[in-house]
Amino acid sequence: MDTSAVARIDEDRRDRTGVPEVIFAAGKSLDHNLALVAAVYARTGFALATRIPPEQRAALAAAYPDAELEPLSGALRRGTLPRTGQRVAVVCAGTSDLPVAEEAAFVLDALGHDAVRATDVGVAGIHRLFDALDDIATCGAVIVVAGMEGALPSVVAGLVRAPVIAVPTSVGYGAAFDGLAALLGMLTACAPGIGVVNIDNGFGAAALAHKIVAR
């Protein structure tokens, strides 16, 4: 397929901004996603797609056996970028938040960083966070993923020196309003040094962390 009819590939984006063009696969047909992964990889030697629809994941993985698929979030990578030696923590409140956290960790790894995971350390059992704090404290940035009331980023930001990137998820009961409650809680956090990305935006958090540690 000629991709020029549906997309204009920005192959210089990594040189210009530090973050390569990434294919947002949701809402695209399988043919479009197959063609875009092939075209971006052919031009740059690296291709990263996020939010691949579940029904397309097996076909994309089969079409590109050299690719790596992250099954929870539906991210796929072909090729590698140079390793940076930088460490970024991905702190996940609960198991239900894992798809967003794993998207962030996968993108960080794709961009050359070491993702340091701390999983299921939400405020309902906050003592679990303390076991991971020494490792988290060695990282240049910390991504904190949480749903429900979104309290975990405030806790983490009160304990570490690194900037905290808060990611609200759409996990929660009715009054969570599909992540709006967590988003507002993170935006009104009392701990300084927190930046907030959009609901479920693990990719956006990883891109921001990449720019922070790459400086």
Foldseek 3Di string as FASTA:
>chain_A
DPLVVPDDAPLCCCVVPVDHDAAAQPPPDLVNVLVVQVVSCVSRVKYKYWQHDPVNLVVSCVVCVQKDADPLGGMIMGGADAADAAEEEQEEQAPVQVNLSVLLQVLLVRSRYHYHYHYNCHPVNVVSVVVCLVVNQVHQEYEYEEEAQQPVQLVNLVRHDHAYEYEFELDDDDVSVRRPNNQVNQVPRPRPRYHYDYYSPSVVSNVVSSVRVVD
